[in-house]
């Protein structure tokens, strides 16, 4: 009887990053792949300099601009952490290996740091 062995590889799942961790890394001058998945009007009101890619771009798979980042860390934020969590999961399903969701989003950022980047 021939035996068949299956290799199980744990899929990559998004991780979380706090606004404090993100700000510390930004303040240290790290080059980050930071994406804001809010709507343009939200971005216009307040942003921290991330690349704007509204959630609709994720839902319609209009992701050509970031497909080259599959092997790099990609940090995504939104208003509260909900949409960005969904965006991370979508990227994970497409083979991205290191997505991070900003917990609490810009609401948490503004509560802790006000309007500063």
PDB file of N, CA and C in Angstrom:
ATOM      1  N   UNK A   1       0.847  -1.177   0.000  1.00  0.00           N
ATOM      2  CA  UNK A   1       0.000   0.000   0.000  1.00  0.00           C
ATOM      3  C   UNK A   1       0.894   1.242   0.000  1.00  0.00           C
ATOM      4  N   UNK A   2       0.640   2.121  -0.922  1.00  0.00           N
ATOM      5  CA  UNK A   2       1.415   3.355  -1.044  1.00  0.00           C
ATOM      6  C   UNK A   2       0.885   4.394  -0.053  1.00  0.00           C
ATOM      7  N   UNK A   3       1.814   5.008   0.691  1.00  0.00           N
ATOM      8  CA  UNK A   3       1.405   6.029   1.648  1.00  0.00           C
ATOM      9  C   UNK A   3       1.552   7.407   1.018  1.00  0.00           C
ATOM     10  N   UNK A   4       0.613   8.245   1.341  1.00  0.00           N
ATOM     11  CA  UNK A   4       0.644   9.625   0.856  1.00  0.00           C
ATOM     12  C   UNK A   4       0.764  10.532   2.065  1.00  0.00           C
ATOM     13  N   UNK A   5       1.718  11.435   1.992  1.00  0.00           N
ATOM     14  CA  UNK A   5       1.923  12.377   3.086  1.00  0.00           C
ATOM     15  C   UNK A   5       1.530  13.772   2.621  1.00  0.00           C
ATOM     16  N   UNK A   6       0.820  14.445   3.476  1.00  0.00           N
ATOM     17  CA  UNK A   6       0.432  15.818   3.180  1.00  0.00           C
ATOM     18  C   UNK A   6       1.239  16.744   4.076  1.00  0.00           C
ATOM     19  N   UNK A   7       1.697  17.801   3.487  1.00  0.00           N
ATOM     20  CA  UNK A   7       2.428  18.795   4.253  1.00  0.00           C
ATOM     21  C   UNK A   7       1.469  19.940   4.549  1.00  0.00           C
ATOM     22  N   UNK A   8       1.360  20.298   5.785  1.00  0.00           N
ATOM     23  CA  UNK A   8       0.474  21.386   6.167  1.00  0.00           C
ATOM     24  C   UNK A   8       1.305  22.614   6.481  1.00  0.00           C
ATOM     25  N   UNK A   9       1.011  23.669   5.791  1.00  0.00           N
ATOM     26  CA  UNK A   9       1.672  24.951   6.064  1.00  0.00           C
ATOM     27  C   UNK A   9       0.628  25.898   6.614  1.00  0.00           C
ATOM     28  N   UNK A  10       0.921  26.435   7.755  1.00  0.00           N
ATOM     29  CA  UNK A  10      -0.004  27.392   8.355  1.00  0.00           C
ATOM     30  C   UNK A  10      -0.113  28.608   7.440  1.00  0.00           C
ATOM     31  N   UNK A  11      -1.338  28.952   7.052  1.00  0.00           N
ATOM     32  CA  UNK A  11      -1.479  30.131   6.197  1.00  0.00           C
ATOM     33  C   UNK A  11      -1.080  31.392   6.954  1.00  0.00           C
ATOM     34  N   UNK A  12      -0.706  32.384   6.217  1.00  0.00           N
ATOM     35  CA  UNK A  12      -0.346  33.663   6.829  1.00  0.00           C
ATOM     36  C   UNK A  12      -1.621  34.420   7.161  1.00  0.00           C
ATOM     37  N   UNK A  13      -1.709  34.880   8.355  1.00  0.00           N
ATOM     38  CA  UNK A  13      -2.848  35.679   8.761  1.00  0.00           C
ATOM     39  C   UNK A  13      -2.351  37.047   9.172  1.00  0.00           C
ATOM     40  N   UNK A  14      -3.204  38.018   8.959  1.00  0.00           N
ATOM     41  CA  UNK A  14      -2.815  39.372   9.347  1.00  0.00           C
ATOM     42  C   UNK A  14      -2.467  39.417  10.821  1.00  0.00           C
ATOM     43  N   UNK A  15      -1.618  40.367  11.126  1.00  0.00           N
ATOM     44  CA  UNK A  15      -1.281  40.658  12.504  1.00  0.00           C
ATOM     45  C   UNK A  15      -1.816  42.044  12.806  1.00  0.00           C
ATOM     46  N   UNK A  16      -1.819  42.395  14.058  1.00  0.00           N
ATOM     47  CA  UNK A  16      -2.249  43.730  14.460  1.00  0.00           C
ATOM     48  C   UNK A  16      -1.052  44.567  14.857  1.00  0.00           C
ATOM     49  N   UNK A  17      -1.188  45.858  14.673  1.00  0.00           N
ATOM     50  CA  UNK A  17      -0.193  46.817  15.133  1.00  0.00           C
ATOM     51  C   UNK A  17      -0.961  47.957  15.790  1.00  0.00           C
ATOM     52  N   UNK A  18      -0.461  48.454  16.893  1.00  0.00           N
ATOM     53  CA  UNK A  18      -1.126  49.561  17.583  1.00  0.00           C
ATOM     54  C   UNK A  18      -0.703  50.892  16.957  1.00  0.00           C
ATOM     55  N   UNK A  19      -1.472  51.918  17.231  1.00  0.00           N
ATOM     56  CA  UNK A  19      -1.098  53.242  16.722  1.00  0.00           C
ATOM     57  C   UNK A  19       0.210  53.710  17.361  1.00  0.00           C
ATOM     58  N   UNK A  20       0.458  53.310  18.603  1.00  0.00           N
ATOM     59  CA  UNK A  20       1.712  53.680  19.258  1.00  0.00           C
ATOM     60  C   UNK A  20       2.905  53.046  18.547  1.00  0.00           C
ATOM     61  N   UNK A  21       2.777  51.765  18.213  1.00  0.00           N
ATOM     62  CA  UNK A  21       3.859  51.077  17.497  1.00  0.00           C
ATOM     63  C   UNK A  21       4.086  51.699  16.120  1.00  0.00           C
ATOM     64  N   UNK A  22       2.990  51.991  15.430  1.00  0.00           N
ATOM     65  CA  UNK A  22       3.099  52.594  14.105  1.00  0.00           C
ATOM     66  C   UNK A  22       3.759  53.968  14.182  1.00  0.00           C
ATOM     67  N   UNK A  23       3.319  54.792  15.110  1.00  0.00           N
ATOM     68  CA  UNK A  23       3.888  56.139  15.227  1.00  0.00           C
ATOM     69  C   UNK A  23       5.374  56.070  15.568  1.00  0.00           C
ATOM     70  N   UNK A  24       5.759  55.153  16.453  1.00  0.00           N
ATOM     71  CA  UNK A  24       7.176  55.015  16.819  1.00  0.00           C
ATOM     72  C   UNK A  24       8.007  54.648  15.589  1.00  0.00           C
ATOM     73  N   UNK A  25       7.488  53.773  14.771  1.00  0.00           N
ATOM     74  CA  UNK A  25       8.211  53.372  13.562  1.00  0.00           C
ATOM     75  C   UNK A  25       8.271  54.521  12.554  1.00  0.00           C
ATOM     76  N   UNK A  26       7.190  55.279  12.437  1.00  0.00           N
ATOM     77  CA  UNK A  26       7.188  56.439  11.543  1.00  0.00           C
ATOM     78  C   UNK A  26       8.177  57.497  12.047  1.00  0.00           C
ATOM     79  N   UNK A  27       8.152  57.755  13.350  1.00  0.00           N
ATOM     80  CA  UNK A  27       9.056  58.746  13.950  1.00  0.00           C
ATOM     81  C   UNK A  27      10.523  58.340  13.780  1.00  0.00           C
ATOM     82  N   UNK A  28      10.777  57.024  13.743  1.00  0.00           N
ATOM     83  CA  UNK A  28      12.144  56.518  13.564  1.00  0.00           C
ATOM     84  C   UNK A  28      12.588  56.599  12.107  1.00  0.00           C
ATOM     85  N   UNK A  29      11.665  57.014  11.230  1.00  0.00           N
ATOM     86  CA  UNK A  29      12.016  57.184   9.822  1.00  0.00           C
ATOM     87  C   UNK A  29      12.001  55.902   9.000  1.00  0.00           C
ATOM     88  N   UNK A  30      11.360  54.858   9.526  1.00  0.00           N
ATOM     89  CA  UNK A  30      11.284  53.602   8.769  1.00  0.00           C
ATOM     90  C   UNK A  30      10.501  53.811   7.472  1.00  0.00           C
ATOM     91  N   UNK A  31      10.955  53.138   6.420  1.00  0.00           N
ATOM     92  CA  UNK A  31      10.209  53.142   5.165  1.00  0.00           C
ATOM     93  C   UNK A  31       9.117  52.085   5.307  1.00  0.00           C
ATOM     94  N   UNK A  32       7.864  52.528   5.290  1.00  0.00           N
ATOM     95  CA  UNK A  32       6.738  51.630   5.512  1.00  0.00           C
ATOM     96  C   UNK A  32       5.838  51.602   4.288  1.00  0.00           C
ATOM     97  N   UNK A  33       5.263  50.444   4.025  1.00  0.00           N
ATOM     98  CA  UNK A  33       4.225  50.317   3.013  1.00  0.00           C
ATOM     99  C   UNK A  33       2.900  50.512   3.744  1.00  0.00           C
ATOM    100  N   UNK A  34       2.477  51.769   3.832  1.00  0.00           N
ATOM    101  CA  UNK A  34       1.313  52.153   4.627  1.00  0.00           C
ATOM    102  C   UNK A  34       0.170  52.528   3.702  1.00  0.00           C
ATOM    103  N   UNK A  35      -0.967  51.874   3.898  1.00  0.00           N
ATOM    104  CA  UNK A  35      -2.133  52.090   3.040  1.00  0.00           C
ATOM    105  C   UNK A  35      -3.320  52.517   3.883  1.00  0.00           C
ATOM    106  N   UNK A  36      -4.023  53.532   3.405  1.00  0.00           N
ATOM    107  CA  UNK A  36      -5.233  54.046   4.028  1.00  0.00           C
ATOM    108  C   UNK A  36      -6.403  53.586   3.161  1.00  0.00           C
ATOM    109  N   UNK A  37      -7.297  52.756   3.716  1.00  0.00           N
ATOM    110  CA  UNK A  37      -8.408  52.244   2.905  1.00  0.00           C
ATOM    111  C   UNK A  37      -9.713  52.988   3.171  1.00  0.00           C
ATOM    112  N   UNK A  38      -9.611  54.201   3.709  1.00  0.00           N
ATOM    113  CA  UNK A  38     -10.810  55.015   3.906  1.00  0.00           C
ATOM    114  C   UNK A  38     -11.223  55.659   2.585  1.00  0.00           C
ATOM    115  N   UNK A  39     -12.310  56.372   2.623  1.00  0.00           N
ATOM    116  CA  UNK A  39     -12.808  57.096   1.450  1.00  0.00           C
ATOM    117  C   UNK A  39     -12.044  58.418   1.297  1.00  0.00           C
ATOM    118  N   UNK A  40     -12.007  58.947   0.071  1.00  0.00           N
ATOM    119  CA  UNK A  40     -11.268  60.194  -0.170  1.00  0.00           C
ATOM    120  C   UNK A  40     -11.649  61.348   0.755  1.00  0.00           C
ATOM    121  N   UNK A  41     -12.943  61.500   1.072  1.00  0.00           N
ATOM    122  CA  UNK A  41     -13.343  62.611   1.950  1.00  0.00           C
ATOM    123  C   UNK A  41     -12.794  62.414   3.363  1.00  0.00           C
ATOM    124  N   UNK A  42     -12.682  61.177   3.833  1.00  0.00           N
ATOM    125  CA  UNK A  42     -12.103  60.913   5.152  1.00  0.00           C
ATOM    126  C   UNK A  42     -10.613  61.239   5.138  1.00  0.00           C
ATOM    127  N   UNK A  43      -9.958  60.837   4.048  1.00  0.00           N
ATOM    128  CA  UNK A  43      -8.523  61.091   3.878  1.00  0.00           C
ATOM    129  C   UNK A  43      -8.252  62.592   3.849  1.00  0.00           C
ATOM    130  N   UNK A  44      -9.127  63.338   3.164  1.00  0.00           N
ATOM    131  CA  UNK A  44      -8.953  64.794   3.050  1.00  0.00           C
ATOM    132  C   UNK A  44      -9.089  65.482   4.408  1.00  0.00           C
ATOM    133  N   UNK A  45      -9.944  64.949   5.273  1.00  0.00           N
ATOM    134  CA  UNK A  45     -10.150  65.543   6.600  1.00  0.00           C
ATOM    135  C   UNK A  45      -8.930  65.369   7.501  1.00  0.00           C
ATOM    136  N   UNK A  46      -8.317  64.183   7.441  1.00  0.00           N
ATOM    137  CA  UNK A  46      -7.132  63.898   8.256  1.00  0.00           C
ATOM    138  C   UNK A  46      -6.448  62.666   7.702  1.00  0.00           C
ATOM    139  N   UNK A  47      -5.128  62.759   7.531  1.00  0.00           N
ATOM    140  CA  UNK A  47      -4.380  61.576   7.108  1.00  0.00           C
ATOM    141  C   UNK A  47      -2.967  61.646   7.673  1.00  0.00           C
ATOM    142  N   UNK A  48      -2.306  60.493   7.671  1.00  0.00           N
ATOM    143  CA  UNK A  48      -0.945  60.415   8.206  1.00  0.00           C
ATOM    144  C   UNK A  48       0.067  60.142   7.094  1.00  0.00           C
ATOM    145  N   UNK A  49      -0.344  60.401   5.852  1.00  0.00           N
ATOM    146  CA  UNK A  49       0.588  60.279   4.739  1.00  0.00           C
ATOM    147  C   UNK A  49       0.617  58.926   4.062  1.00  0.00           C
ATOM    148  N   UNK A  50      -0.334  58.075   4.368  1.00  0.00           N
ATOM    149  CA  UNK A  50      -0.388  56.752   3.738  1.00  0.00           C
ATOM    150  C   UNK A  50      -0.890  56.873   2.298  1.00  0.00           C
ATOM    151  N   UNK A  51      -0.675  55.825   1.526  1.00  0.00           N
ATOM    152  CA  UNK A  51      -1.204  55.746   0.162  1.00  0.00           C
ATOM    153  C   UNK A  51      -2.704  55.491   0.272  1.00  0.00           C
ATOM    154  N   UNK A  52      -3.503  56.328  -0.375  1.00  0.00           N
ATOM    155  CA  UNK A  52      -4.955  56.173  -0.342  1.00  0.00           C
ATOM    156  C   UNK A  52      -5.386  55.101  -1.343  1.00  0.00           C
ATOM    157  N   UNK A  53      -6.028  54.064  -0.829  1.00  0.00           N
ATOM    158  CA  UNK A  53      -6.627  53.001  -1.646  1.00  0.00           C
ATOM    159  C   UNK A  53      -7.967  52.663  -1.002  1.00  0.00           C
ATOM    160  N   UNK A  54      -9.040  53.371  -1.389  1.00  0.00           N
ATOM    161  CA  UNK A  54     -10.336  53.138  -0.751  1.00  0.00           C
ATOM    162  C   UNK A  54     -10.758  51.663  -0.804  1.00  0.00           C
ATOM    163  N   UNK A  55     -11.576  51.269   0.146  1.00  0.00           N
ATOM    164  CA  UNK A  55     -12.003  49.881   0.282  1.00  0.00           C
ATOM    165  C   UNK A  55     -12.573  49.319  -1.021  1.00  0.00           C
ATOM    166  N   UNK A  56     -13.227  50.140  -1.805  1.00  0.00           N
ATOM    167  CA  UNK A  56     -13.782  49.678  -3.076  1.00  0.00           C
ATOM    168  C   UNK A  56     -12.710  49.106  -3.995  1.00  0.00           C
ATOM    169  N   UNK A  57     -11.498  49.625  -3.906  1.00  0.00           N
ATOM    170  CA  UNK A  57     -10.412  49.097  -4.734  1.00  0.00           C
ATOM    171  C   UNK A  57     -10.085  47.662  -4.337  1.00  0.00           C
ATOM    172  N   UNK A  58     -10.179  47.367  -3.055  1.00  0.00           N
ATOM    173  CA  UNK A  58      -9.942  46.005  -2.578  1.00  0.00           C
ATOM    174  C   UNK A  58     -11.094  45.099  -3.021  1.00  0.00           C
ATOM    175  N   UNK A  59     -12.316  45.593  -2.856  1.00  0.00           N
ATOM    176  CA  UNK A  59     -13.493  44.798  -3.197  1.00  0.00           C
ATOM    177  C   UNK A  59     -13.556  44.478  -4.684  1.00  0.00           C
ATOM    178  N   UNK A  60     -13.048  45.373  -5.520  1.00  0.00           N
ATOM    179  CA  UNK A  60     -13.062  45.159  -6.975  1.00  0.00           C
ATOM    180  C   UNK A  60     -11.716  44.669  -7.504  1.00  0.00           C
ATOM    181  N   UNK A  61     -10.838  44.277  -6.577  1.00  0.00           N
ATOM    182  CA  UNK A  61      -9.528  43.724  -6.925  1.00  0.00           C
ATOM    183  C   UNK A  61      -8.717  44.655  -7.830  1.00  0.00           C
ATOM    184  N   UNK A  62      -8.803  45.941  -7.579  1.00  0.00           N
ATOM    185  CA  UNK A  62      -8.005  46.930  -8.310  1.00  0.00           C
ATOM    186  C   UNK A  62      -6.727  47.183  -7.505  1.00  0.00           C
ATOM    187  N   UNK A  63      -5.863  46.165  -7.488  1.00  0.00           N
ATOM    188  CA  UNK A  63      -4.719  46.176  -6.580  1.00  0.00           C
ATOM    189  C   UNK A  63      -3.379  46.127  -7.294  1.00  0.00           C
ATOM    190  N   UNK A  64      -3.370  46.426  -8.589  1.00  0.00           N
ATOM    191  CA  UNK A  64      -2.128  46.342  -9.364  1.00  0.00           C
ATOM    192  C   UNK A  64      -0.986  47.137  -8.728  1.00  0.00           C
ATOM    193  N   UNK A  65      -1.306  48.283  -8.134  1.00  0.00           N
ATOM    194  CA  UNK A  65      -0.272  49.148  -7.554  1.00  0.00           C
ATOM    195  C   UNK A  65       0.494  48.496  -6.406  1.00  0.00           C
ATOM    196  N   UNK A  66      -0.112  47.511  -5.755  1.00  0.00           N
ATOM    197  CA  UNK A  66       0.559  46.927  -4.587  1.00  0.00           C
ATOM    198  C   UNK A  66       0.876  45.437  -4.739  1.00  0.00           C
ATOM    199  N   UNK A  67       0.559  44.841  -5.858  1.00  0.00           N
ATOM    200  CA  UNK A  67       0.803  43.403  -6.021  1.00  0.00           C
ATOM    201  C   UNK A  67       2.286  43.049  -5.884  1.00  0.00           C
ATOM    202  N   UNK A  68       3.163  43.979  -6.153  1.00  0.00           N
ATOM    203  CA  UNK A  68       4.593  43.747  -6.001  1.00  0.00           C
ATOM    204  C   UNK A  68       5.049  43.706  -4.552  1.00  0.00           C
ATOM    205  N   UNK A  69       4.134  43.935  -3.616  1.00  0.00           N
ATOM    206  CA  UNK A  69       4.485  43.971  -2.188  1.00  0.00           C
ATOM    207  C   UNK A  69       4.126  42.681  -1.458  1.00  0.00           C
ATOM    208  N   UNK A  70       3.821  41.623  -2.200  1.00  0.00           N
ATOM    209  CA  UNK A  70       3.368  40.370  -1.572  1.00  0.00           C
ATOM    210  C   UNK A  70       4.330  39.830  -0.521  1.00  0.00           C
ATOM    211  N   UNK A  71       5.620  40.024  -0.724  1.00  0.00           N
ATOM    212  CA  UNK A  71       6.606  39.493   0.216  1.00  0.00           C
ATOM    213  C   UNK A  71       7.067  40.520   1.240  1.00  0.00           C
ATOM    214  N   UNK A  72       6.496  41.710   1.194  1.00  0.00           N
ATOM    215  CA  UNK A  72       6.882  42.772   2.124  1.00  0.00           C
ATOM    216  C   UNK A  72       5.786  43.015   3.153  1.00  0.00           C
ATOM    217  N   UNK A  73       6.146  43.704   4.215  1.00  0.00           N
ATOM    218  CA  UNK A  73       5.147  44.099   5.200  1.00  0.00           C
ATOM    219  C   UNK A  73       4.253  45.179   4.588  1.00  0.00           C
ATOM    220  N   UNK A  74       2.950  45.008   4.750  1.00  0.00           N
ATOM    221  CA  UNK A  74       1.974  46.000   4.291  1.00  0.00           C
ATOM    222  C   UNK A  74       1.095  46.332   5.496  1.00  0.00           C
ATOM    223  N   UNK A  75       1.088  47.605   5.878  1.00  0.00           N
ATOM    224  CA  UNK A  75       0.305  48.063   7.026  1.00  0.00           C
ATOM    225  C   UNK A  75      -0.893  48.842   6.494  1.00  0.00           C
ATOM    226  N   UNK A  76      -2.090  48.445   6.929  1.00  0.00           N
ATOM    227  CA  UNK A  76      -3.313  49.076   6.432  1.00  0.00           C
ATOM    228  C   UNK A  76      -4.096  49.665   7.592  1.00  0.00           C
ATOM    229  N   UNK A  77      -4.609  50.872   7.380  1.00  0.00           N
ATOM    230  CA  UNK A  77      -5.449  51.494   8.403  1.00  0.00           C
ATOM    231  C   UNK A  77      -6.701  52.078   7.775  1.00  0.00           C
ATOM    232  N   UNK A  78      -7.688  52.293   8.635  1.00  0.00           N
ATOM    233  CA  UNK A  78      -8.934  52.945   8.230  1.00  0.00           C
ATOM    234  C   UNK A  78      -9.367  53.841   9.397  1.00  0.00           C
ATOM    235  N   UNK A  79     -10.638  54.066   9.536  1.00  0.00           N
ATOM    236  CA  UNK A  79     -11.146  54.914  10.602  1.00  0.00           C
ATOM    237  C   UNK A  79     -11.046  54.219  11.959  1.00  0.00           C
ATOM    238  N   UNK A  80     -11.489  52.935  12.016  1.00  0.00           N
ATOM    239  CA  UNK A  80     -11.574  52.257  13.311  1.00  0.00           C
ATOM    240  C   UNK A  80     -10.829  50.927  13.379  1.00  0.00           C
ATOM    241  N   UNK A  81     -10.387  50.407  12.246  1.00  0.00           N
ATOM    242  CA  UNK A  81      -9.721  49.110  12.217  1.00  0.00           C
ATOM    243  C   UNK A  81     -10.560  48.012  11.596  1.00  0.00           C
ATOM    244  N   UNK A  82     -11.825  48.294  11.300  1.00  0.00           N
ATOM    245  CA  UNK A  82     -12.710  47.284  10.731  1.00  0.00           C
ATOM    246  C   UNK A  82     -12.440  47.068   9.237  1.00  0.00           C
ATOM    247  N   UNK A  83     -12.555  48.128   8.448  1.00  0.00           N
ATOM    248  CA  UNK A  83     -12.311  47.999   7.003  1.00  0.00           C
ATOM    249  C   UNK A  83     -10.886  47.542   6.724  1.00  0.00           C
ATOM    250  N   UNK A  84      -9.934  48.074   7.479  1.00  0.00           N
ATOM    251  CA  UNK A  84      -8.541  47.686   7.238  1.00  0.00           C
ATOM    252  C   UNK A  84      -8.310  46.212   7.581  1.00  0.00           C
ATOM    253  N   UNK A  85      -9.008  45.704   8.574  1.00  0.00           N
ATOM    254  CA  UNK A  85      -8.917  44.278   8.883  1.00  0.00           C
ATOM    255  C   UNK A  85      -9.428  43.441   7.725  1.00  0.00           C
ATOM    256  N   UNK A  86     -10.539  43.878   7.136  1.00  0.00           N
ATOM    257  CA  UNK A  86     -11.085  43.177   5.971  1.00  0.00           C
ATOM    258  C   UNK A  86     -10.118  43.251   4.794  1.00  0.00           C
ATOM    259  N   UNK A  87      -9.515  44.409   4.587  1.00  0.00           N
ATOM    260  CA  UNK A  87      -8.559  44.572   3.489  1.00  0.00           C
ATOM    261  C   UNK A  87      -7.355  43.654   3.689  1.00  0.00           C
ATOM    262  N   UNK A  88      -6.870  43.539   4.925  1.00  0.00           N
ATOM    263  CA  UNK A  88      -5.749  42.638   5.218  1.00  0.00           C
ATOM    264  C   UNK A  88      -6.111  41.203   4.874  1.00  0.00           C
ATOM    265  N   UNK A  89      -7.300  40.775   5.265  1.00  0.00           N
ATOM    266  CA  UNK A  89      -7.726  39.408   4.983  1.00  0.00           C
ATOM    267  C   UNK A  89      -7.821  39.159   3.480  1.00  0.00           C
ATOM    268  N   UNK A  90      -8.279  40.149   2.730  1.00  0.00           N
ATOM    269  CA  UNK A  90      -8.343  40.013   1.272  1.00  0.00           C
ATOM    270  C   UNK A  90      -6.942  39.843   0.692  1.00  0.00           C
ATOM    271  N   UNK A  91      -5.999  40.646   1.172  1.00  0.00           N
ATOM    272  CA  UNK A  91      -4.622  40.529   0.684  1.00  0.00           C
ATOM    273  C   UNK A  91      -4.016  39.182   1.089  1.00  0.00           C
ATOM    274  N   UNK A  92      -4.303  38.738   2.299  1.00  0.00           N
ATOM    275  CA  UNK A  92      -3.810  37.430   2.747  1.00  0.00           C
ATOM    276  C   UNK A  92      -4.285  36.335   1.794  1.00  0.00           C
ATOM    277  N   UNK A  93      -5.550  36.415   1.391  1.00  0.00           N
ATOM    278  CA  UNK A  93      -6.110  35.412   0.484  1.00  0.00           C
ATOM    279  C   UNK A  93      -5.431  35.454  -0.886  1.00  0.00           C
ATOM    280  N   UNK A  94      -4.858  36.604  -1.234  1.00  0.00           N
ATOM    281  CA  UNK A  94      -4.154  36.748  -2.514  1.00  0.00           C
ATOM    282  C   UNK A  94      -2.672  36.383  -2.406  1.00  0.00           C
ATOM    283  N   UNK A  95      -2.255  35.939  -1.240  1.00  0.00           N
ATOM    284  CA  UNK A  95      -0.880  35.483  -1.082  1.00  0.00           C
ATOM    285  C   UNK A  95       0.071  36.471  -0.439  1.00  0.00           C
ATOM    286  N   UNK A  96      -0.448  37.586   0.084  1.00  0.00           N
ATOM    287  CA  UNK A  96       0.429  38.514   0.799  1.00  0.00           C
ATOM    288  C   UNK A  96       0.882  37.831   2.083  1.00  0.00           C
ATOM    289  N   UNK A  97       2.142  38.003   2.413  1.00  0.00           N
ATOM    290  CA  UNK A  97       2.730  37.240   3.509  1.00  0.00           C
ATOM    291  C   UNK A  97       2.849  37.984   4.831  1.00  0.00           C
ATOM    292  N   UNK A  98       2.652  39.308   4.822  1.00  0.00           N
ATOM    293  CA  UNK A  98       2.892  40.052   6.060  1.00  0.00           C
ATOM    294  C   UNK A  98       2.011  41.298   6.109  1.00  0.00           C
ATOM    295  N   UNK A  99       0.706  41.085   6.332  1.00  0.00           N
ATOM    296  CA  UNK A  99      -0.202  42.225   6.447  1.00  0.00           C
ATOM    297  C   UNK A  99      -0.413  42.562   7.917  1.00  0.00           C
ATOM    298  N   UNK A 100      -0.541  43.857   8.169  1.00  0.00           N
ATOM    299  CA  UNK A 100      -0.784  44.313   9.538  1.00  0.00           C
ATOM    300  C   UNK A 100      -1.939  45.309   9.531  1.00  0.00           C
ATOM    301  N   UNK A 101      -2.865  45.091  10.450  1.00  0.00           N
ATOM    302  CA  UNK A 101      -4.020  45.956  10.635  1.00  0.00           C
ATOM    303  C   UNK A 101      -3.754  46.913  11.798  1.00  0.00           C
ATOM    304  N   UNK A 102      -3.993  48.194  11.575  1.00  0.00           N
ATOM    305  CA  UNK A 102      -3.818  49.190  12.634  1.00  0.00           C
ATOM    306  C   UNK A 102      -5.059  49.170  13.524  1.00  0.00           C
ATOM    307  N   UNK A 103      -4.899  48.628  14.721  1.00  0.00           N
ATOM    308  CA  UNK A 103      -6.003  48.486  15.667  1.00  0.00           C
ATOM    309  C   UNK A 103      -6.491  49.865  16.104  1.00  0.00           C
ATOM    310  N   UNK A 104      -7.782  50.079  16.002  1.00  0.00           N
ATOM    311  CA  UNK A 104      -8.357  51.351  16.436  1.00  0.00           C
ATOM    312  C   UNK A 104      -8.317  52.433  15.375  1.00  0.00           C
ATOM    313  N   UNK A 105      -7.516  52.241  14.338  1.00  0.00           N
ATOM    314  CA  UNK A 105      -7.465  53.157  13.204  1.00  0.00           C
ATOM    315  C   UNK A 105      -7.205  54.607  13.570  1.00  0.00           C
ATOM    316  N   UNK A 106      -7.701  55.485  12.718  1.00  0.00           N
ATOM    317  CA  UNK A 106      -7.452  56.915  12.904  1.00  0.00           C
ATOM    318  C   UNK A 106      -8.212  57.498  14.083  1.00  0.00           C
ATOM    319  N   UNK A 107      -9.279  56.836  14.504  1.00  0.00           N
ATOM    320  CA  UNK A 107      -9.960  57.294  15.721  1.00  0.00           C
ATOM    321  C   UNK A 107      -9.011  57.185  16.913  1.00  0.00           C
ATOM    322  N   UNK A 108      -8.346  56.040  17.026  1.00  0.00           N
ATOM    323  CA  UNK A 108      -7.398  55.831  18.120  1.00  0.00           C
ATOM    324  C   UNK A 108      -6.191  56.763  17.976  1.00  0.00           C
ATOM    325  N   UNK A 109      -5.712  56.925  16.743  1.00  0.00           N
ATOM    326  CA  UNK A 109      -4.573  57.811  16.487  1.00  0.00           C
ATOM    327  C   UNK A 109      -4.889  59.226  16.971  1.00  0.00           C
ATOM    328  N   UNK A 110      -6.060  59.753  16.551  1.00  0.00           N
ATOM    329  CA  UNK A 110      -6.402  61.118  16.920  1.00  0.00           C
ATOM    330  C   UNK A 110      -6.664  61.247  18.432  1.00  0.00           C
ATOM    331  N   UNK A 111      -7.207  60.209  19.063  1.00  0.00           N
ATOM    332  CA  UNK A 111      -7.432  60.249  20.507  1.00  0.00           C
ATOM    333  C   UNK A 111      -6.104  60.313  21.255  1.00  0.00           C
ATOM    334  N   UNK A 112      -5.074  59.648  20.732  1.00  0.00           N
ATOM    335  CA  UNK A 112      -3.796  59.589  21.438  1.00  0.00           C
ATOM    336  C   UNK A 112      -2.806  60.660  21.016  1.00  0.00           C
ATOM    337  N   UNK A 113      -2.849  61.070  19.735  1.00  0.00           N
ATOM    338  CA  UNK A 113      -1.849  61.999  19.232  1.00  0.00           C
ATOM    339  C   UNK A 113      -2.440  63.275  18.642  1.00  0.00           C
ATOM    340  N   UNK A 114      -3.750  63.427  18.677  1.00  0.00           N
ATOM    341  CA  UNK A 114      -4.368  64.586  18.045  1.00  0.00           C
ATOM    342  C   UNK A 114      -4.176  64.543  16.544  1.00  0.00           C
ATOM    343  N   UNK A 115      -3.929  65.670  15.956  1.00  0.00           N
ATOM    344  CA  UNK A 115      -3.776  65.748  14.505  1.00  0.00           C
ATOM    345  C   UNK A 115      -2.354  65.597  14.007  1.00  0.00           C
ATOM    346  N   UNK A 116      -1.429  65.230  14.878  1.00  0.00           N
ATOM    347  CA  UNK A 116      -0.020  65.148  14.441  1.00  0.00           C
ATOM    348  C   UNK A 116       0.283  63.820  13.786  1.00  0.00           C
ATOM    349  N   UNK A 117       1.231  63.869  12.868  1.00  0.00           N
ATOM    350  CA  UNK A 117       1.673  62.646  12.177  1.00  0.00           C
ATOM    351  C   UNK A 117       2.789  61.992  12.954  1.00  0.00           C
TER     352      UNK A 117
END
